[in-house]
Amino acid sequence: MIGLNNKPILVLGIGNPLLSDDGVGLQLLENISKKSNQFSDKIEFMDGGTQGIALLGRIADRKAILFLDAVARGEAPGTVHELTGDEILNYKSENNSAHESGVPAILQTAMLTGDLPEKVFVIGIEPDELKTYIGLSKKVTQSLDDAEKKVVSRLNMLLESIE
């Protein structure tokens, strides 16, 4: 059952914009939320910043959650990743993020508390630079359009599956 204040789908941007490419999830969130009028009112867009497991209350009672984040898997900077299912829970970032705890830790805790949504996805971009600097690297910036297309596609699929 969906909570009275929770829309069925949560799009959650994660990251720290003070650490260059670590802020890519928040940039994706900003870009997608500008297009929110093309989506159903069943989607909530939220800046989760670096809150980590403090976000658990916002995850509860959802049918689906889509995390937007920097995803460091050791591939070429700018590579767009989409993780699902066990890939997310088993994912270990190769970077030292400023997040209080990463997406897998948030989801593992949600699983323990019984608040894990039915459908969970992560879309992100392989970072190039994770240093104190405001703004994204050139390689990550060049990948934003491709990542946005993946987000829009995934949201449309999620909307179809819950309606």
C-alpha atoms as a PDB file:
ATOM      1  CA  MET A   1       0.000   0.000   0.000  1.00  0.00           C
ATOM      2  CA  ILE A   2       1.328   3.430  -0.953  1.00  0.00           C
ATOM      3  CA  GLY A   3       1.589   5.879   1.943  1.00  0.00           C
ATOM      4  CA  LEU A   4      -0.711   8.876   1.813  1.00  0.00           C
ATOM      5  CA  ASN A   5       2.158  11.272   1.164  1.00  0.00           C
ATOM      6  CA  ASN A   6       4.256   9.052  -1.088  1.00  0.00           C
ATOM      7  CA  LYS A   7       3.838   8.837  -4.837  1.00  0.00           C
ATOM      8  CA  PRO A   8       4.383   5.307  -6.179  1.00  0.00           C
ATOM      9  CA  ILE A   9       7.650   6.144  -7.996  1.00  0.00           C
ATOM     10  CA  LEU A  10      10.571   8.015  -6.442  1.00  0.00           C
ATOM     11  CA  VAL A  11      13.410   9.417  -8.539  1.00  0.00           C
ATOM     12  CA  LEU A  12      16.216  10.070  -6.087  1.00  0.00           C
ATOM     13  CA  GLY A  13      19.340  12.025  -7.016  1.00  0.00           C
ATOM     14  CA  ILE A  14      22.356  11.127  -4.892  1.00  0.00           C
ATOM     15  CA  GLY A  15      25.728  12.840  -4.712  1.00  0.00           C
ATOM     16  CA  ASN A  16      27.870  15.741  -3.630  1.00  0.00           C
ATOM     17  CA  PRO A  17      28.121  18.617  -6.118  1.00  0.00           C
ATOM     18  CA  LEU A  18      31.217  19.911  -4.317  1.00  0.00           C
ATOM     19  CA  LEU A  19      33.182  16.877  -5.555  1.00  0.00           C
ATOM     20  CA  SER A  20      32.945  17.379  -9.310  1.00  0.00           C
ATOM     21  CA  ASP A  21      31.551  14.213 -10.962  1.00  0.00           C
ATOM     22  CA  ASP A  22      30.115  12.906  -7.685  1.00  0.00           C
ATOM     23  CA  GLY A  23      27.358  15.473  -8.303  1.00  0.00           C
ATOM     24  CA  VAL A  24      26.212  13.900 -11.572  1.00  0.00           C
ATOM     25  CA  GLY A  25      23.173  12.271  -9.950  1.00  0.00           C
ATOM     26  CA  LEU A  26      21.945  15.664  -8.806  1.00  0.00           C
ATOM     27  CA  GLN A  27      22.540  17.171 -12.248  1.00  0.00           C
ATOM     28  CA  LEU A  28      20.568  14.342 -13.861  1.00  0.00           C
ATOM     29  CA  LEU A  29      17.779  14.890 -11.344  1.00  0.00           C
ATOM     30  CA  GLU A  30      17.661  18.612 -12.120  1.00  0.00           C
ATOM     31  CA  ASN A  31      17.585  17.992 -15.885  1.00  0.00           C
ATOM     32  CA  ILE A  32      14.871  15.316 -15.670  1.00  0.00           C
ATOM     33  CA  SER A  33      12.721  17.179 -13.167  1.00  0.00           C
ATOM     34  CA  LYS A  34      12.559  20.111 -15.606  1.00  0.00           C
ATOM     35  CA  LYS A  35      10.741  17.694 -17.923  1.00  0.00           C
ATOM     36  CA  SER A  36       8.473  16.457 -15.144  1.00  0.00           C
ATOM     37  CA  ASN A  37       5.358  17.881 -16.819  1.00  0.00           C
ATOM     38  CA  GLN A  38       5.675  15.125 -19.429  1.00  0.00           C
ATOM     39  CA  PHE A  39       5.370  12.515 -16.679  1.00  0.00           C
ATOM     40  CA  SER A  40       2.495  11.384 -14.548  1.00  0.00           C
ATOM     41  CA  ASP A  41       1.807  12.863 -11.152  1.00  0.00           C
ATOM     42  CA  LYS A  42       2.769   9.409  -9.859  1.00  0.00           C
ATOM     43  CA  ILE A  43       6.457  10.356  -9.801  1.00  0.00           C
ATOM     44  CA  GLU A  44       8.246  12.281  -7.051  1.00  0.00           C
ATOM     45  CA  PHE A  45      11.629  13.855  -7.770  1.00  0.00           C
ATOM     46  CA  MET A  46      13.908  14.301  -4.755  1.00  0.00           C
ATOM     47  CA  ASP A  47      17.421  15.565  -4.084  1.00  0.00           C
ATOM     48  CA  GLY A  48      18.898  13.044  -1.648  1.00  0.00           C
ATOM     49  CA  GLY A  49      22.331  14.684  -1.606  1.00  0.00           C
ATOM     50  CA  THR A  50      24.605  12.780   0.766  1.00  0.00           C
ATOM     51  CA  GLN A  51      21.948  11.775   3.298  1.00  0.00           C
ATOM     52  CA  GLY A  52      22.510   8.030   2.959  1.00  0.00           C
ATOM     53  CA  ILE A  53      20.363   5.855   5.216  1.00  0.00           C
ATOM     54  CA  ALA A  54      18.554   8.937   6.502  1.00  0.00           C
ATOM     55  CA  LEU A  55      16.543   8.567   3.276  1.00  0.00           C
ATOM     56  CA  LEU A  56      14.929   5.303   4.401  1.00  0.00           C
ATOM     57  CA  GLY A  57      11.709   7.009   5.423  1.00  0.00           C
ATOM     58  CA  ARG A  58      11.376   8.473   1.937  1.00  0.00           C
ATOM     59  CA  ILE A  59      11.847   5.059   0.312  1.00  0.00           C
ATOM     60  CA  ALA A  60       9.176   3.255   2.316  1.00  0.00           C
ATOM     61  CA  ASP A  61       5.798   2.509   0.744  1.00  0.00           C
ATOM     62  CA  ARG A  62       6.948   2.958  -2.869  1.00  0.00           C
ATOM     63  CA  LYS A  63       6.355   0.654  -5.791  1.00  0.00           C
ATOM     64  CA  ALA A  64       9.586   1.713  -7.493  1.00  0.00           C
ATOM     65  CA  ILE A  65      12.674   3.797  -6.912  1.00  0.00           C
ATOM     66  CA  LEU A  66      15.153   5.079  -9.456  1.00  0.00           C
ATOM     67  CA  PHE A  67      18.485   6.270  -8.056  1.00  0.00           C
ATOM     68  CA  LEU A  68      20.562   8.717 -10.084  1.00  0.00           C
ATOM     69  CA  ASP A  69      24.203   8.654  -9.031  1.00  0.00           C
ATOM     70  CA  ALA A  70      27.831   8.547 -10.057  1.00  0.00           C
ATOM     71  CA  VAL A  71      28.551   4.866 -10.721  1.00  0.00           C
ATOM     72  CA  ALA A  72      32.240   3.938 -10.605  1.00  0.00           C
ATOM     73  CA  ARG A  73      32.779   0.455 -12.005  1.00  0.00           C
ATOM     74  CA  GLY A  74      36.262   0.906 -13.441  1.00  0.00           C
ATOM     75  CA  GLU A  75      35.068   1.558 -16.989  1.00  0.00           C
ATOM     76  CA  ALA A  76      35.807   4.515 -19.246  1.00  0.00           C
ATOM     77  CA  PRO A  77      34.782   7.877 -17.766  1.00  0.00           C
ATOM     78  CA  GLY A  78      31.434   8.946 -19.163  1.00  0.00           C
ATOM     79  CA  THR A  79      30.103   5.386 -19.528  1.00  0.00           C
ATOM     80  CA  VAL A  80      26.382   5.326 -18.740  1.00  0.00           C
ATOM     81  CA  HIS A  81      25.377   2.486 -16.413  1.00  0.00           C
ATOM     82  CA  GLU A  82      21.993   1.015 -15.549  1.00  0.00           C
ATOM     83  CA  LEU A  83      21.971  -1.404 -12.636  1.00  0.00           C
ATOM     84  CA  THR A  84      19.078  -3.608 -11.571  1.00  0.00           C
ATOM     85  CA  GLY A  85      18.315  -6.332  -9.027  1.00  0.00           C
ATOM     86  CA  ASP A  86      21.287  -8.120  -7.515  1.00  0.00           C
ATOM     87  CA  GLU A  87      23.672  -5.892  -9.492  1.00  0.00           C
ATOM     88  CA  ILE A  88      22.677  -3.050  -7.176  1.00  0.00           C
ATOM     89  CA  LEU A  89      22.878  -4.959  -3.907  1.00  0.00           C
ATOM     90  CA  ASN A  90      26.233  -6.479  -4.862  1.00  0.00           C
ATOM     91  CA  TYR A  91      27.639  -3.263  -6.315  1.00  0.00           C
ATOM     92  CA  LYS A  92      30.739  -1.909  -4.636  1.00  0.00           C
ATOM     93  CA  SER A  93      31.885   1.495  -5.851  1.00  0.00           C
ATOM     94  CA  GLU A  94      35.543   1.847  -6.766  1.00  0.00           C
ATOM     95  CA  ASN A  95      35.598   5.471  -5.678  1.00  0.00           C
ATOM     96  CA  ASN A  96      35.608   6.964  -2.217  1.00  0.00           C
ATOM     97  CA  SER A  97      32.321   8.799  -2.308  1.00  0.00           C
ATOM     98  CA  ALA A  98      31.259  11.516   0.075  1.00  0.00           C
ATOM     99  CA  HIS A  99      27.914   9.796   0.586  1.00  0.00           C
ATOM    100  CA  GLU A 100      27.124   8.820   4.164  1.00  0.00           C
ATOM    101  CA  SER A 101      26.432   5.379   2.753  1.00  0.00           C
ATOM    102  CA  GLY A 102      25.993   4.282  -0.813  1.00  0.00           C
ATOM    103  CA  VAL A 103      22.965   3.015  -2.668  1.00  0.00           C
ATOM    104  CA  PRO A 104      23.649  -0.668  -1.830  1.00  0.00           C
ATOM    105  CA  ALA A 105      23.823   0.101   1.902  1.00  0.00           C
ATOM    106  CA  ILE A 106      20.591   2.091   1.717  1.00  0.00           C
ATOM    107  CA  LEU A 107      18.834  -0.751  -0.087  1.00  0.00           C
ATOM    108  CA  GLN A 108      20.238  -3.485   2.149  1.00  0.00           C
ATOM    109  CA  THR A 109      18.963  -1.570   5.174  1.00  0.00           C
ATOM    110  CA  ALA A 110      15.567  -1.090   3.479  1.00  0.00           C
ATOM    111  CA  MET A 111      15.455  -4.847   2.848  1.00  0.00           C
ATOM    112  CA  LEU A 112      16.134  -5.542   6.529  1.00  0.00           C
ATOM    113  CA  THR A 113      13.392  -3.145   7.619  1.00  0.00           C
ATOM    114  CA  GLY A 114      10.914  -4.474   5.054  1.00  0.00           C
ATOM    115  CA  ASP A 115      10.784  -1.173   3.179  1.00  0.00           C
ATOM    116  CA  LEU A 116      12.488  -2.257  -0.058  1.00  0.00           C
ATOM    117  CA  PRO A 117      10.361  -1.264  -3.072  1.00  0.00           C
ATOM    118  CA  GLU A 118       9.296  -3.922  -5.578  1.00  0.00           C
ATOM    119  CA  LYS A 119      11.387  -2.349  -8.354  1.00  0.00           C
ATOM    120  CA  VAL A 120      14.761  -0.664  -7.872  1.00  0.00           C
ATOM    121  CA  PHE A 121      17.074   0.771 -10.511  1.00  0.00           C
ATOM    122  CA  VAL A 122      20.248   2.854 -10.588  1.00  0.00           C
ATOM    123  CA  ILE A 123      21.201   4.956 -13.583  1.00  0.00           C
ATOM    124  CA  GLY A 124      24.497   6.752 -13.425  1.00  0.00           C
ATOM    125  CA  ILE A 125      27.606   7.833 -15.215  1.00  0.00           C
ATOM    126  CA  GLU A 126      31.167   6.623 -14.681  1.00  0.00           C
ATOM    127  CA  PRO A 127      32.994   9.564 -13.058  1.00  0.00           C
ATOM    128  CA  ASP A 128      36.217  11.012 -14.401  1.00  0.00           C
ATOM    129  CA  GLU A 129      37.127  13.366 -11.554  1.00  0.00           C
ATOM    130  CA  LEU A 130      36.239  13.169  -7.869  1.00  0.00           C
ATOM    131  CA  LYS A 131      38.009  16.161  -6.426  1.00  0.00           C
ATOM    132  CA  THR A 132      36.897  19.314  -4.685  1.00  0.00           C
ATOM    133  CA  TYR A 133      35.476  21.288  -7.576  1.00  0.00           C
ATOM    134  CA  ILE A 134      32.003  22.517  -8.476  1.00  0.00           C
ATOM    135  CA  GLY A 135      30.957  21.301 -11.912  1.00  0.00           C
ATOM    136  CA  LEU A 136      31.146  18.117 -13.930  1.00  0.00           C
ATOM    137  CA  SER A 137      34.094  16.991 -16.020  1.00  0.00           C
ATOM    138  CA  LYS A 138      33.857  17.268 -19.794  1.00  0.00           C
ATOM    139  CA  LYS A 139      33.516  13.492 -20.315  1.00  0.00           C
ATOM    140  CA  VAL A 140      30.648  13.214 -17.822  1.00  0.00           C
ATOM    141  CA  THR A 141      28.903  16.309 -19.205  1.00  0.00           C
ATOM    142  CA  GLN A 142      29.043  14.793 -22.703  1.00  0.00           C
ATOM    143  CA  SER A 143      27.208  11.691 -21.391  1.00  0.00           C
ATOM    144  CA  LEU A 144      24.309  13.525 -19.746  1.00  0.00           C
ATOM    145  CA  ASP A 145      22.009  13.302 -22.797  1.00  0.00           C
ATOM    146  CA  ASP A 146      22.456   9.519 -23.074  1.00  0.00           C
ATOM    147  CA  ALA A 147      21.842   9.086 -19.352  1.00  0.00           C
ATOM    148  CA  GLU A 148      18.733  11.285 -19.512  1.00  0.00           C
ATOM    149  CA  LYS A 149      17.345   9.151 -22.348  1.00  0.00           C
ATOM    150  CA  LYS A 150      17.824   6.040 -20.198  1.00  0.00           C
ATOM    151  CA  VAL A 151      16.062   7.719 -17.270  1.00  0.00           C
ATOM    152  CA  VAL A 152      13.091   8.808 -19.404  1.00  0.00           C
ATOM    153  CA  SER A 153      12.814   5.328 -20.932  1.00  0.00           C
ATOM    154  CA  ARG A 154      12.942   3.637 -17.510  1.00  0.00           C
ATOM    155  CA  LEU A 155      10.353   6.035 -16.068  1.00  0.00           C
ATOM    156  CA  ASN A 156       7.969   5.385 -18.959  1.00  0.00           C
ATOM    157  CA  MET A 157       8.369   1.622 -18.419  1.00  0.00           C
ATOM    158  CA  LEU A 158       7.736   2.008 -14.694  1.00  0.00           C
ATOM    159  CA  LEU A 159       4.626   4.102 -15.284  1.00  0.00           C
ATOM    160  CA  GLU A 160       3.232   1.452 -17.638  1.00  0.00           C
ATOM    161  CA  SER A 161       3.904  -1.281 -15.095  1.00  0.00           C
ATOM    162  CA  ILE A 162       2.072   0.418 -12.216  1.00  0.00           C
ATOM    163  CA  GLU A 163      -0.947   1.791 -14.056  1.00  0.00           C
END
